[in-house]
């Protein structure tokens, strides 16, 4: 399988906890981030850097940091992951805004998110 023509940028991140509202107080005080509540999540509204959110999944893993790389074709990216020795963990799954995401494990055991671009 051939690598994509252009490298995939990091476009989104998540930080997990059991209480995203409480964690938003920490990151607000430490980094000056501002948030918009979204169910069990807190969406970071600061305008610099990639999009991000604090999330409380309600199941393991409770604490995690996840980076998301943007891929145009998530099915092809998942094929490349498996061909290179990685593992598909979650997805592809649809998001309310029409994008799709997946979680994969690399050959060192790290978990990375894949995310399609906005429509």
PDB file of N, CA and C in Angstrom:
ATOM      1  N   UNK A   1       0.844  -1.175   0.000  1.00  0.00           N
ATOM      2  CA  UNK A   1       0.000   0.000   0.000  1.00  0.00           C
ATOM      3  C   UNK A   1       0.885   1.233   0.000  1.00  0.00           C
ATOM      4  N   UNK A   2       0.495   2.223  -0.770  1.00  0.00           N
ATOM      5  CA  UNK A   2       1.262   3.455  -0.931  1.00  0.00           C
ATOM      6  C   UNK A   2       0.836   4.494   0.099  1.00  0.00           C
ATOM      7  N   UNK A   3       1.806   5.211   0.618  1.00  0.00           N
ATOM      8  CA  UNK A   3       1.521   6.293   1.571  1.00  0.00           C
ATOM      9  C   UNK A   3       0.774   7.418   0.864  1.00  0.00           C
ATOM     10  N   UNK A   4       0.010   8.220   1.602  1.00  0.00           N
ATOM     11  CA  UNK A   4      -0.699   9.336   0.972  1.00  0.00           C
ATOM     12  C   UNK A   4       0.283  10.347   0.382  1.00  0.00           C
ATOM     13  N   UNK A   5      -0.168  11.112  -0.610  1.00  0.00           N
ATOM     14  CA  UNK A   5       0.678  12.078  -1.300  1.00  0.00           C
ATOM     15  C   UNK A   5       1.140  13.203  -0.376  1.00  0.00           C
ATOM     16  N   UNK A   6       0.282  13.614   0.551  1.00  0.00           N
ATOM     17  CA  UNK A   6       0.665  14.668   1.499  1.00  0.00           C
ATOM     18  C   UNK A   6       0.561  14.119   2.919  1.00  0.00           C
ATOM     19  N   UNK A   7       1.479  14.507   3.795  1.00  0.00           N
ATOM     20  CA  UNK A   7       1.431  14.028   5.183  1.00  0.00           C
ATOM     21  C   UNK A   7       0.150  14.476   5.887  1.00  0.00           C
ATOM     22  N   UNK A   8      -0.367  13.635   6.774  1.00  0.00           N
ATOM     23  CA  UNK A   8      -1.590  13.927   7.523  1.00  0.00           C
ATOM     24  C   UNK A   8      -1.285  14.875   8.679  1.00  0.00           C
ATOM     25  N   UNK A   9      -1.942  16.039   8.722  1.00  0.00           N
ATOM     26  CA  UNK A   9      -1.717  16.967   9.829  1.00  0.00           C
ATOM     27  C   UNK A   9      -2.470  16.538  11.091  1.00  0.00           C
ATOM     28  N   UNK A  10      -1.959  16.940  12.242  1.00  0.00           N
ATOM     29  CA  UNK A  10      -2.692  16.776  13.504  1.00  0.00           C
ATOM     30  C   UNK A  10      -3.707  17.907  13.550  1.00  0.00           C
ATOM     31  N   UNK A  11      -5.010  17.541  13.669  1.00  0.00           N
ATOM     32  CA  UNK A  11      -6.063  18.547  13.577  1.00  0.00           C
ATOM     33  C   UNK A  11      -6.960  18.630  14.808  1.00  0.00           C
ATOM     34  N   UNK A  12      -6.842  17.655  15.723  1.00  0.00           N
ATOM     35  CA  UNK A  12      -7.743  17.630  16.875  1.00  0.00           C
ATOM     36  C   UNK A  12      -7.072  16.833  17.987  1.00  0.00           C
ATOM     37  N   UNK A  13      -7.424  17.147  19.223  1.00  0.00           N
ATOM     38  CA  UNK A  13      -6.942  16.355  20.355  1.00  0.00           C
ATOM     39  C   UNK A  13      -8.031  16.261  21.403  1.00  0.00           C
ATOM     40  N   UNK A  14      -7.939  15.213  22.230  1.00  0.00           N
ATOM     41  CA  UNK A  14      -8.842  15.021  23.360  1.00  0.00           C
ATOM     42  C   UNK A  14      -8.015  14.702  24.593  1.00  0.00           C
ATOM     43  N   UNK A  15      -8.497  15.157  25.726  1.00  0.00           N
ATOM     44  CA  UNK A  15      -7.917  14.800  27.019  1.00  0.00           C
ATOM     45  C   UNK A  15      -9.059  14.224  27.847  1.00  0.00           C
ATOM     46  N   UNK A  16      -8.916  12.987  28.290  1.00  0.00           N
ATOM     47  CA  UNK A  16      -9.984  12.312  29.009  1.00  0.00           C
ATOM     48  C   UNK A  16      -9.839  12.408  30.512  1.00  0.00           C
ATOM     49  N   UNK A  17     -10.992  12.354  31.186  1.00  0.00           N
ATOM     50  CA  UNK A  17     -11.038  12.366  32.642  1.00  0.00           C
ATOM     51  C   UNK A  17     -12.403  11.826  33.069  1.00  0.00           C
ATOM     52  N   UNK A  18     -12.615  11.718  34.363  1.00  0.00           N
ATOM     53  CA  UNK A  18     -13.937  11.317  34.850  1.00  0.00           C
ATOM     54  C   UNK A  18     -14.864  12.511  35.006  1.00  0.00           C
ATOM     55  N   UNK A  19     -14.321  13.744  34.974  1.00  0.00           N
ATOM     56  CA  UNK A  19     -15.125  14.955  35.159  1.00  0.00           C
ATOM     57  C   UNK A  19     -14.543  16.069  34.289  1.00  0.00           C
ATOM     58  N   UNK A  20     -15.062  16.203  33.074  1.00  0.00           N
ATOM     59  CA  UNK A  20     -14.493  17.177  32.142  1.00  0.00           C
ATOM     60  C   UNK A  20     -14.717  18.619  32.608  1.00  0.00           C
ATOM     61  N   UNK A  21     -15.825  18.894  33.295  1.00  0.00           N
ATOM     62  CA  UNK A  21     -16.069  20.251  33.790  1.00  0.00           C
ATOM     63  C   UNK A  21     -15.013  20.640  34.817  1.00  0.00           C
ATOM     64  N   UNK A  22     -14.697  19.727  35.727  1.00  0.00           N
ATOM     65  CA  UNK A  22     -13.662  19.996  36.740  1.00  0.00           C
ATOM     66  C   UNK A  22     -12.297  20.170  36.080  1.00  0.00           C
ATOM     67  N   UNK A  23     -11.994  19.308  35.078  1.00  0.00           N
ATOM     68  CA  UNK A  23     -10.711  19.398  34.391  1.00  0.00           C
ATOM     69  C   UNK A  23     -10.596  20.705  33.611  1.00  0.00           C
ATOM     70  N   UNK A  24     -11.730  21.227  33.119  1.00  0.00           N
ATOM     71  CA  UNK A  24     -11.684  22.502  32.391  1.00  0.00           C
ATOM     72  C   UNK A  24     -11.237  23.639  33.314  1.00  0.00           C
ATOM     73  N   UNK A  25     -11.546  23.550  34.605  1.00  0.00           N
ATOM     74  CA  UNK A  25     -11.076  24.558  35.558  1.00  0.00           C
ATOM     75  C   UNK A  25      -9.554  24.555  35.620  1.00  0.00           C
ATOM     76  N   UNK A  26      -8.964  23.343  35.624  1.00  0.00           N
ATOM     77  CA  UNK A  26      -7.505  23.217  35.669  1.00  0.00           C
ATOM     78  C   UNK A  26      -6.873  23.845  34.427  1.00  0.00           C
ATOM     79  N   UNK A  27      -7.331  23.432  33.233  1.00  0.00           N
ATOM     80  CA  UNK A  27      -6.718  23.934  32.007  1.00  0.00           C
ATOM     81  C   UNK A  27      -7.029  25.407  31.767  1.00  0.00           C
ATOM     82  N   UNK A  28      -8.156  25.882  32.262  1.00  0.00           N
ATOM     83  CA  UNK A  28      -8.442  27.309  32.188  1.00  0.00           C
ATOM     84  C   UNK A  28      -7.448  28.107  33.009  1.00  0.00           C
ATOM     85  N   UNK A  29      -7.175  27.624  34.233  1.00  0.00           N
ATOM     86  CA  UNK A  29      -6.243  28.314  35.128  1.00  0.00           C
ATOM     87  C   UNK A  29      -4.797  28.207  34.649  1.00  0.00           C
ATOM     88  N   UNK A  30      -4.414  27.039  34.143  1.00  0.00           N
ATOM     89  CA  UNK A  30      -3.012  26.803  33.768  1.00  0.00           C
ATOM     90  C   UNK A  30      -2.681  27.356  32.384  1.00  0.00           C
ATOM     91  N   UNK A  31      -3.565  27.157  31.404  1.00  0.00           N
ATOM     92  CA  UNK A  31      -3.247  27.515  30.019  1.00  0.00           C
ATOM     93  C   UNK A  31      -4.126  28.625  29.442  1.00  0.00           C
ATOM     94  N   UNK A  32      -5.120  29.074  30.214  1.00  0.00           N
ATOM     95  CA  UNK A  32      -5.986  30.136  29.731  1.00  0.00           C
ATOM     96  C   UNK A  32      -7.014  29.685  28.711  1.00  0.00           C
ATOM     97  N   UNK A  33      -7.221  28.366  28.572  1.00  0.00           N
ATOM     98  CA  UNK A  33      -8.199  27.856  27.618  1.00  0.00           C
ATOM     99  C   UNK A  33      -9.604  28.185  28.104  1.00  0.00           C
ATOM    100  N   UNK A  34     -10.513  28.400  27.169  1.00  0.00           N
ATOM    101  CA  UNK A  34     -11.922  28.596  27.470  1.00  0.00           C
ATOM    102  C   UNK A  34     -12.711  27.451  26.834  1.00  0.00           C
ATOM    103  N   UNK A  35     -13.909  27.184  27.382  1.00  0.00           N
ATOM    104  CA  UNK A  35     -14.639  25.975  27.012  1.00  0.00           C
ATOM    105  C   UNK A  35     -16.109  26.244  26.784  1.00  0.00           C
ATOM    106  N   UNK A  36     -16.702  25.375  25.978  1.00  0.00           N
ATOM    107  CA  UNK A  36     -18.138  25.361  25.751  1.00  0.00           C
ATOM    108  C   UNK A  36     -18.628  23.973  26.130  1.00  0.00           C
ATOM    109  N   UNK A  37     -19.518  23.841  27.128  1.00  0.00           N
ATOM    110  CA  UNK A  37     -20.016  22.524  27.519  1.00  0.00           C
ATOM    111  C   UNK A  37     -20.738  21.840  26.348  1.00  0.00           C
ATOM    112  N   UNK A  38     -20.489  20.533  26.208  1.00  0.00           N
ATOM    113  CA  UNK A  38     -21.124  19.734  25.146  1.00  0.00           C
ATOM    114  C   UNK A  38     -21.390  18.336  25.704  1.00  0.00           C
ATOM    115  N   UNK A  39     -22.450  18.204  26.482  1.00  0.00           N
ATOM    116  CA  UNK A  39     -22.746  16.916  27.112  1.00  0.00           C
ATOM    117  C   UNK A  39     -21.675  16.587  28.140  1.00  0.00           C
ATOM    118  N   UNK A  40     -21.070  15.417  28.014  1.00  0.00           N
ATOM    119  CA  UNK A  40     -20.018  14.999  28.940  1.00  0.00           C
ATOM    120  C   UNK A  40     -18.659  15.597  28.578  1.00  0.00           C
ATOM    121  N   UNK A  41     -18.627  16.406  27.529  1.00  0.00           N
ATOM    122  CA  UNK A  41     -17.371  16.999  27.062  1.00  0.00           C
ATOM    123  C   UNK A  41     -17.348  18.502  27.295  1.00  0.00           C
ATOM    124  N   UNK A  42     -16.163  19.066  27.175  1.00  0.00           N
ATOM    125  CA  UNK A  42     -15.953  20.506  27.206  1.00  0.00           C
ATOM    126  C   UNK A  42     -15.139  20.821  25.953  1.00  0.00           C
ATOM    127  N   UNK A  43     -15.721  21.531  25.009  1.00  0.00           N
ATOM    128  CA  UNK A  43     -15.031  21.868  23.769  1.00  0.00           C
ATOM    129  C   UNK A  43     -14.168  23.102  24.012  1.00  0.00           C
ATOM    130  N   UNK A  44     -12.904  23.013  23.635  1.00  0.00           N
ATOM    131  CA  UNK A  44     -11.985  24.138  23.799  1.00  0.00           C
ATOM    132  C   UNK A  44     -12.324  25.181  22.748  1.00  0.00           C
ATOM    133  N   UNK A  45     -12.596  26.410  23.186  1.00  0.00           N
ATOM    134  CA  UNK A  45     -13.003  27.469  22.265  1.00  0.00           C
ATOM    135  C   UNK A  45     -11.866  28.415  21.924  1.00  0.00           C
ATOM    136  N   UNK A  46     -10.699  28.228  22.487  1.00  0.00           N
ATOM    137  CA  UNK A  46      -9.553  29.071  22.168  1.00  0.00           C
ATOM    138  C   UNK A  46      -9.255  28.941  20.679  1.00  0.00           C
ATOM    139  N   UNK A  47      -8.883  30.034  20.036  1.00  0.00           N
ATOM    140  CA  UNK A  47      -8.805  30.083  18.577  1.00  0.00           C
ATOM    141  C   UNK A  47      -7.466  29.635  17.983  1.00  0.00           C
ATOM    142  N   UNK A  48      -6.478  29.313  18.796  1.00  0.00           N
ATOM    143  CA  UNK A  48      -5.184  28.933  18.236  1.00  0.00           C
ATOM    144  C   UNK A  48      -4.985  27.426  18.323  1.00  0.00           C
ATOM    145  N   UNK A  49      -4.209  26.893  17.409  1.00  0.00           N
ATOM    146  CA  UNK A  49      -3.893  25.466  17.421  1.00  0.00           C
ATOM    147  C   UNK A  49      -5.031  24.620  16.867  1.00  0.00           C
ATOM    148  N   UNK A  50      -4.864  23.294  16.936  1.00  0.00           N
ATOM    149  CA  UNK A  50      -5.922  22.408  16.454  1.00  0.00           C
ATOM    150  C   UNK A  50      -7.130  22.455  17.379  1.00  0.00           C
ATOM    151  N   UNK A  51      -8.280  21.974  16.910  1.00  0.00           N
ATOM    152  CA  UNK A  51      -9.448  21.894  17.771  1.00  0.00           C
ATOM    153  C   UNK A  51      -9.173  20.886  18.875  1.00  0.00           C
ATOM    154  N   UNK A  52      -9.875  21.017  19.979  1.00  0.00           N
ATOM    155  CA  UNK A  52      -9.660  20.092  21.083  1.00  0.00           C
ATOM    156  C   UNK A  52     -10.847  20.043  22.013  1.00  0.00           C
ATOM    157  N   UNK A  53     -10.834  19.024  22.865  1.00  0.00           N
ATOM    158  CA  UNK A  53     -11.902  18.884  23.846  1.00  0.00           C
ATOM    159  C   UNK A  53     -11.428  18.075  25.038  1.00  0.00           C
ATOM    160  N   UNK A  54     -12.064  18.339  26.161  1.00  0.00           N
ATOM    161  CA  UNK A  54     -11.918  17.513  27.346  1.00  0.00           C
ATOM    162  C   UNK A  54     -13.120  16.589  27.339  1.00  0.00           C
ATOM    163  N   UNK A  55     -12.911  15.308  27.575  1.00  0.00           N
ATOM    164  CA  UNK A  55     -13.991  14.345  27.423  1.00  0.00           C
ATOM    165  C   UNK A  55     -14.077  13.438  28.641  1.00  0.00           C
ATOM    166  N   UNK A  56     -15.290  13.028  28.973  1.00  0.00           N
ATOM    167  CA  UNK A  56     -15.543  12.019  30.009  1.00  0.00           C
ATOM    168  C   UNK A  56     -16.342  10.910  29.328  1.00  0.00           C
ATOM    169  N   UNK A  57     -15.660   9.858  28.901  1.00  0.00           N
ATOM    170  CA  UNK A  57     -16.288   8.794  28.126  1.00  0.00           C
ATOM    171  C   UNK A  57     -17.342   8.023  28.911  1.00  0.00           C
ATOM    172  N   UNK A  58     -17.134   7.910  30.217  1.00  0.00           N
ATOM    173  CA  UNK A  58     -18.050   7.112  31.031  1.00  0.00           C
ATOM    174  C   UNK A  58     -17.682   5.643  31.067  1.00  0.00           C
ATOM    175  N   UNK A  59     -16.543   5.304  30.493  1.00  0.00           N
ATOM    176  CA  UNK A  59     -16.026   3.932  30.484  1.00  0.00           C
ATOM    177  C   UNK A  59     -14.521   4.002  30.254  1.00  0.00           C
ATOM    178  N   UNK A  60     -13.808   2.919  30.526  1.00  0.00           N
ATOM    179  CA  UNK A  60     -12.360   2.942  30.280  1.00  0.00           C
ATOM    180  C   UNK A  60     -12.064   3.156  28.794  1.00  0.00           C
ATOM    181  N   UNK A  61     -11.012   3.835  28.442  1.00  0.00           N
ATOM    182  CA  UNK A  61     -10.072   4.487  29.346  1.00  0.00           C
ATOM    183  C   UNK A  61     -10.658   5.784  29.886  1.00  0.00           C
ATOM    184  N   UNK A  62     -10.516   5.993  31.173  1.00  0.00           N
ATOM    185  CA  UNK A  62     -11.042   7.220  31.772  1.00  0.00           C
ATOM    186  C   UNK A  62     -10.082   8.386  31.576  1.00  0.00           C
ATOM    187  N   UNK A  63      -8.801   8.127  31.714  1.00  0.00           N
ATOM    188  CA  UNK A  63      -7.808   9.177  31.486  1.00  0.00           C
ATOM    189  C   UNK A  63      -6.972   8.785  30.276  1.00  0.00           C
ATOM    190  N   UNK A  64      -6.837   9.729  29.377  1.00  0.00           N
ATOM    191  CA  UNK A  64      -6.080   9.488  28.153  1.00  0.00           C
ATOM    192  C   UNK A  64      -5.795  10.819  27.472  1.00  0.00           C
ATOM    193  N   UNK A  65      -4.840  10.813  26.576  1.00  0.00           N
ATOM    194  CA  UNK A  65      -4.600  11.927  25.668  1.00  0.00           C
ATOM    195  C   UNK A  65      -4.600  11.325  24.273  1.00  0.00           C
ATOM    196  N   UNK A  66      -5.403  11.885  23.382  1.00  0.00           N
ATOM    197  CA  UNK A  66      -5.549  11.357  22.035  1.00  0.00           C
ATOM    198  C   UNK A  66      -5.296  12.460  21.021  1.00  0.00           C
ATOM    199  N   UNK A  67      -4.386  12.207  20.101  1.00  0.00           N
ATOM    200  CA  UNK A  67      -4.167  13.095  18.969  1.00  0.00           C
ATOM    201  C   UNK A  67      -4.895  12.519  17.767  1.00  0.00           C
ATOM    202  N   UNK A  68      -5.452  13.387  16.934  1.00  0.00           N
ATOM    203  CA  UNK A  68      -6.145  12.955  15.724  1.00  0.00           C
ATOM    204  C   UNK A  68      -5.443  13.520  14.499  1.00  0.00           C
ATOM    205  N   UNK A  69      -5.086  12.631  13.568  1.00  0.00           N
ATOM    206  CA  UNK A  69      -4.521  13.033  12.287  1.00  0.00           C
ATOM    207  C   UNK A  69      -5.645  13.046  11.255  1.00  0.00           C
ATOM    208  N   UNK A  70      -5.650  14.047  10.408  1.00  0.00           N
ATOM    209  CA  UNK A  70      -6.694  14.152   9.389  1.00  0.00           C
ATOM    210  C   UNK A  70      -6.326  13.323   8.159  1.00  0.00           C
ATOM    211  N   UNK A  71      -7.255  12.484   7.728  1.00  0.00           N
ATOM    212  CA  UNK A  71      -7.065  11.660   6.533  1.00  0.00           C
ATOM    213  C   UNK A  71      -8.277  11.850   5.619  1.00  0.00           C
ATOM    214  N   UNK A  72      -8.035  11.938   4.330  1.00  0.00           N
ATOM    215  CA  UNK A  72      -9.133  12.128   3.379  1.00  0.00           C
ATOM    216  C   UNK A  72      -9.972  10.870   3.229  1.00  0.00           C
ATOM    217  N   UNK A  73      -9.325   9.717   3.226  1.00  0.00           N
ATOM    218  CA  UNK A  73     -10.010   8.441   3.010  1.00  0.00           C
ATOM    219  C   UNK A  73      -9.723   7.539   4.211  1.00  0.00           C
ATOM    220  N   UNK A  74     -10.663   7.479   5.146  1.00  0.00           N
ATOM    221  CA  UNK A  74     -10.424   6.749   6.393  1.00  0.00           C
ATOM    222  C   UNK A  74     -10.304   5.245   6.160  1.00  0.00           C
ATOM    223  N   UNK A  75     -11.048   4.703   5.205  1.00  0.00           N
ATOM    224  CA  UNK A  75     -10.943   3.270   4.912  1.00  0.00           C
ATOM    225  C   UNK A  75      -9.550   2.931   4.391  1.00  0.00           C
ATOM    226  N   UNK A  76      -9.024   3.752   3.490  1.00  0.00           N
ATOM    227  CA  UNK A  76      -7.681   3.521   2.961  1.00  0.00           C
ATOM    228  C   UNK A  76      -6.634   3.670   4.062  1.00  0.00           C
ATOM    229  N   UNK A  77      -6.819   4.657   4.945  1.00  0.00           N
ATOM    230  CA  UNK A  77      -5.873   4.852   6.048  1.00  0.00           C
ATOM    231  C   UNK A  77      -5.873   3.645   6.977  1.00  0.00           C
ATOM    232  N   UNK A  78      -7.057   3.082   7.264  1.00  0.00           N
ATOM    233  CA  UNK A  78      -7.133   1.891   8.115  1.00  0.00           C
ATOM    234  C   UNK A  78      -6.472   0.698   7.439  1.00  0.00           C
ATOM    235  N   UNK A  79      -6.591   0.576   6.134  1.00  0.00           N
ATOM    236  CA  UNK A  79      -5.891  -0.492   5.408  1.00  0.00           C
ATOM    237  C   UNK A  79      -4.381  -0.327   5.553  1.00  0.00           C
ATOM    238  N   UNK A  80      -3.893   0.917   5.460  1.00  0.00           N
ATOM    239  CA  UNK A  80      -2.450   1.171   5.612  1.00  0.00           C
ATOM    240  C   UNK A  80      -1.984   0.843   7.026  1.00  0.00           C
ATOM    241  N   UNK A  81      -2.811   1.152   8.027  1.00  0.00           N
ATOM    242  CA  UNK A  81      -2.468   0.827   9.418  1.00  0.00           C
ATOM    243  C   UNK A  81      -2.239  -0.670   9.563  1.00  0.00           C
ATOM    244  N   UNK A  82      -3.192  -1.471   9.096  1.00  0.00           N
ATOM    245  CA  UNK A  82      -3.099  -2.928   9.220  1.00  0.00           C
ATOM    246  C   UNK A  82      -1.924  -3.461   8.405  1.00  0.00           C
ATOM    247  N   UNK A  83      -1.731  -2.952   7.175  1.00  0.00           N
ATOM    248  CA  UNK A  83      -0.630  -3.409   6.322  1.00  0.00           C
ATOM    249  C   UNK A  83       0.727  -3.110   6.944  1.00  0.00           C
ATOM    250  N   UNK A  84       0.806  -2.024   7.723  1.00  0.00           N
ATOM    251  CA  UNK A  84       2.070  -1.641   8.361  1.00  0.00           C
ATOM    252  C   UNK A  84       2.276  -2.317   9.716  1.00  0.00           C
ATOM    253  N   UNK A  85       1.333  -3.176  10.141  1.00  0.00           N
ATOM    254  CA  UNK A  85       1.497  -3.908  11.399  1.00  0.00           C
ATOM    255  C   UNK A  85       0.722  -3.340  12.566  1.00  0.00           C
ATOM    256  N   UNK A  86      -0.094  -2.302  12.342  1.00  0.00           N
ATOM    257  CA  UNK A  86      -0.913  -1.728  13.402  1.00  0.00           C
ATOM    258  C   UNK A  86      -2.241  -2.449  13.521  1.00  0.00           C
ATOM    259  N   UNK A  87      -3.083  -1.930  14.418  1.00  0.00           N
ATOM    260  CA  UNK A  87      -4.378  -2.551  14.696  1.00  0.00           C
ATOM    261  C   UNK A  87      -5.474  -1.502  14.683  1.00  0.00           C
ATOM    262  N   UNK A  88      -6.591  -1.831  14.052  1.00  0.00           N
ATOM    263  CA  UNK A  88      -7.778  -0.974  14.115  1.00  0.00           C
ATOM    264  C   UNK A  88      -8.483  -1.273  15.434  1.00  0.00           C
ATOM    265  N   UNK A  89      -8.784  -0.240  16.226  1.00  0.00           N
ATOM    266  CA  UNK A  89      -9.439  -0.418  17.524  1.00  0.00           C
ATOM    267  C   UNK A  89     -10.911  -0.023  17.496  1.00  0.00           C
ATOM    268  N   UNK A  90     -11.216   1.130  16.899  1.00  0.00           N
ATOM    269  CA  UNK A  90     -12.572   1.674  16.882  1.00  0.00           C
ATOM    270  C   UNK A  90     -12.834   2.268  15.504  1.00  0.00           C
ATOM    271  N   UNK A  91     -14.025   2.049  14.991  1.00  0.00           N
ATOM    272  CA  UNK A  91     -14.468   2.733  13.787  1.00  0.00           C
ATOM    273  C   UNK A  91     -14.072   2.056  12.499  1.00  0.00           C
ATOM    274  N   UNK A  92     -14.366   2.765  11.419  1.00  0.00           N
ATOM    275  CA  UNK A  92     -14.747   4.169  11.395  1.00  0.00           C
ATOM    276  C   UNK A  92     -16.160   4.386  11.911  1.00  0.00           C
ATOM    277  N   UNK A  93     -16.321   5.483  12.632  1.00  0.00           N
ATOM    278  CA  UNK A  93     -17.608   5.822  13.233  1.00  0.00           C
ATOM    279  C   UNK A  93     -17.988   7.237  12.813  1.00  0.00           C
ATOM    280  N   UNK A  94     -19.280   7.462  12.553  1.00  0.00           N
ATOM    281  CA  UNK A  94     -19.721   8.803  12.135  1.00  0.00           C
ATOM    282  C   UNK A  94     -19.809   9.763  13.313  1.00  0.00           C
ATOM    283  N   UNK A  95     -19.578  11.033  13.021  1.00  0.00           N
ATOM    284  CA  UNK A  95     -19.767  12.115  13.983  1.00  0.00           C
ATOM    285  C   UNK A  95     -20.969  12.946  13.547  1.00  0.00           C
ATOM    286  N   UNK A  96     -21.595  13.674  14.467  1.00  0.00           N
ATOM    287  CA  UNK A  96     -22.787  14.459  14.110  1.00  0.00           C
ATOM    288  C   UNK A  96     -22.554  15.468  12.983  1.00  0.00           C
ATOM    289  N   UNK A  97     -21.315  15.946  12.829  1.00  0.00           N
ATOM    290  CA  UNK A  97     -21.042  16.951  11.789  1.00  0.00           C
ATOM    291  C   UNK A  97     -20.712  16.340  10.429  1.00  0.00           C
ATOM    292  N   UNK A  98     -20.842  15.012  10.299  1.00  0.00           N
ATOM    293  CA  UNK A  98     -20.608  14.351   9.022  1.00  0.00           C
ATOM    294  C   UNK A  98     -19.227  13.756   8.855  1.00  0.00           C
ATOM    295  N   UNK A  99     -18.300  14.137   9.726  1.00  0.00           N
ATOM    296  CA  UNK A  99     -16.967  13.537   9.654  1.00  0.00           C
ATOM    297  C   UNK A  99     -17.022  12.120  10.200  1.00  0.00           C
ATOM    298  N   UNK A 100     -15.943  11.364  10.007  1.00  0.00           N
ATOM    299  CA  UNK A 100     -15.798  10.035  10.585  1.00  0.00           C
ATOM    300  C   UNK A 100     -14.489   9.984  11.349  1.00  0.00           C
ATOM    301  N   UNK A 101     -14.462   9.131  12.399  1.00  0.00           N
ATOM    302  CA  UNK A 101     -13.226   8.955  13.142  1.00  0.00           C
ATOM    303  C   UNK A 101     -12.965   7.476  13.365  1.00  0.00           C
ATOM    304  N   UNK A 102     -11.709   7.176  13.683  1.00  0.00           N
ATOM    305  CA  UNK A 102     -11.300   5.821  14.051  1.00  0.00           C
ATOM    306  C   UNK A 102     -10.149   5.945  15.034  1.00  0.00           C
ATOM    307  N   UNK A 103      -9.973   4.916  15.858  1.00  0.00           N
ATOM    308  CA  UNK A 103      -8.808   4.812  16.732  1.00  0.00           C
ATOM    309  C   UNK A 103      -7.999   3.621  16.265  1.00  0.00           C
ATOM    310  N   UNK A 104      -6.677   3.795  16.233  1.00  0.00           N
ATOM    311  CA  UNK A 104      -5.775   2.718  15.833  1.00  0.00           C
ATOM    312  C   UNK A 104      -4.649   2.594  16.853  1.00  0.00           C
ATOM    313  N   UNK A 105      -4.041   1.415  16.892  1.00  0.00           N
ATOM    314  CA  UNK A 105      -2.861   1.185  17.740  1.00  0.00           C
ATOM    315  C   UNK A 105      -1.670   0.992  16.818  1.00  0.00           C
ATOM    316  N   UNK A 106      -0.591   1.734  17.072  1.00  0.00           N
ATOM    317  CA  UNK A 106       0.609   1.587  16.256  1.00  0.00           C
ATOM    318  C   UNK A 106       1.437   0.389  16.730  1.00  0.00           C
ATOM    319  N   UNK A 107       2.547   0.154  16.088  1.00  0.00           N
ATOM    320  CA  UNK A 107       3.355  -1.031  16.400  1.00  0.00           C
ATOM    321  C   UNK A 107       4.086  -0.924  17.732  1.00  0.00           C
ATOM    322  N   UNK A 108       4.106   0.265  18.348  1.00  0.00           N
ATOM    323  CA  UNK A 108       4.704   0.430  19.674  1.00  0.00           C
ATOM    324  C   UNK A 108       3.661   0.386  20.779  1.00  0.00           C
ATOM    325  N   UNK A 109       2.377   0.277  20.411  1.00  0.00           N
ATOM    326  CA  UNK A 109       1.309   0.215  21.402  1.00  0.00           C
ATOM    327  C   UNK A 109       0.597   1.518  21.664  1.00  0.00           C
ATOM    328  N   UNK A 110       0.992   2.598  20.983  1.00  0.00           N
ATOM    329  CA  UNK A 110       0.329   3.892  21.145  1.00  0.00           C
ATOM    330  C   UNK A 110      -0.992   3.911  20.400  1.00  0.00           C
ATOM    331  N   UNK A 111      -1.951   4.677  20.914  1.00  0.00           N
ATOM    332  CA  UNK A 111      -3.244   4.817  20.256  1.00  0.00           C
ATOM    333  C   UNK A 111      -3.299   6.203  19.604  1.00  0.00           C
ATOM    334  N   UNK A 112      -3.751   6.245  18.353  1.00  0.00           N
ATOM    335  CA  UNK A 112      -3.877   7.467  17.580  1.00  0.00           C
ATOM    336  C   UNK A 112      -5.252   7.520  16.965  1.00  0.00           C
ATOM    337  N   UNK A 113      -5.840   8.707  16.896  1.00  0.00           N
ATOM    338  CA  UNK A 113      -7.113   8.882  16.234  1.00  0.00           C
ATOM    339  C   UNK A 113      -6.922   9.319  14.802  1.00  0.00           C
ATOM    340  N   UNK A 114      -7.810   8.875  13.930  1.00  0.00           N
ATOM    341  CA  UNK A 114      -7.879   9.321  12.544  1.00  0.00           C
ATOM    342  C   UNK A 114      -9.206  10.059  12.386  1.00  0.00           C
ATOM    343  N   UNK A 115      -9.218  11.144  11.614  1.00  0.00           N
ATOM    344  CA  UNK A 115     -10.403  11.976  11.492  1.00  0.00           C
ATOM    345  C   UNK A 115     -10.489  12.503  10.064  1.00  0.00           C
ATOM    346  N   UNK A 116     -11.658  12.364   9.455  1.00  0.00           N
ATOM    347  CA  UNK A 116     -11.834  12.909   8.108  1.00  0.00           C
ATOM    348  C   UNK A 116     -12.055  14.419   8.203  1.00  0.00           C
ATOM    349  N   UNK A 117     -11.800  15.138   7.109  1.00  0.00           N
ATOM    350  CA  UNK A 117     -11.999  16.596   7.138  1.00  0.00           C
ATOM    351  C   UNK A 117     -13.473  16.965   7.193  1.00  0.00           C
ATOM    352  N   UNK A 118     -13.756  18.211   7.585  1.00  0.00           N
ATOM    353  CA  UNK A 118     -15.147  18.683   7.562  1.00  0.00           C
ATOM    354  C   UNK A 118     -15.699  18.636   6.147  1.00  0.00           C
ATOM    355  N   UNK A 119     -16.995  18.403   6.024  1.00  0.00           N
ATOM    356  CA  UNK A 119     -17.625  18.351   4.699  1.00  0.00           C
ATOM    357  C   UNK A 119     -17.638  19.717   4.057  1.00  0.00           C
TER     358      UNK A 119
END
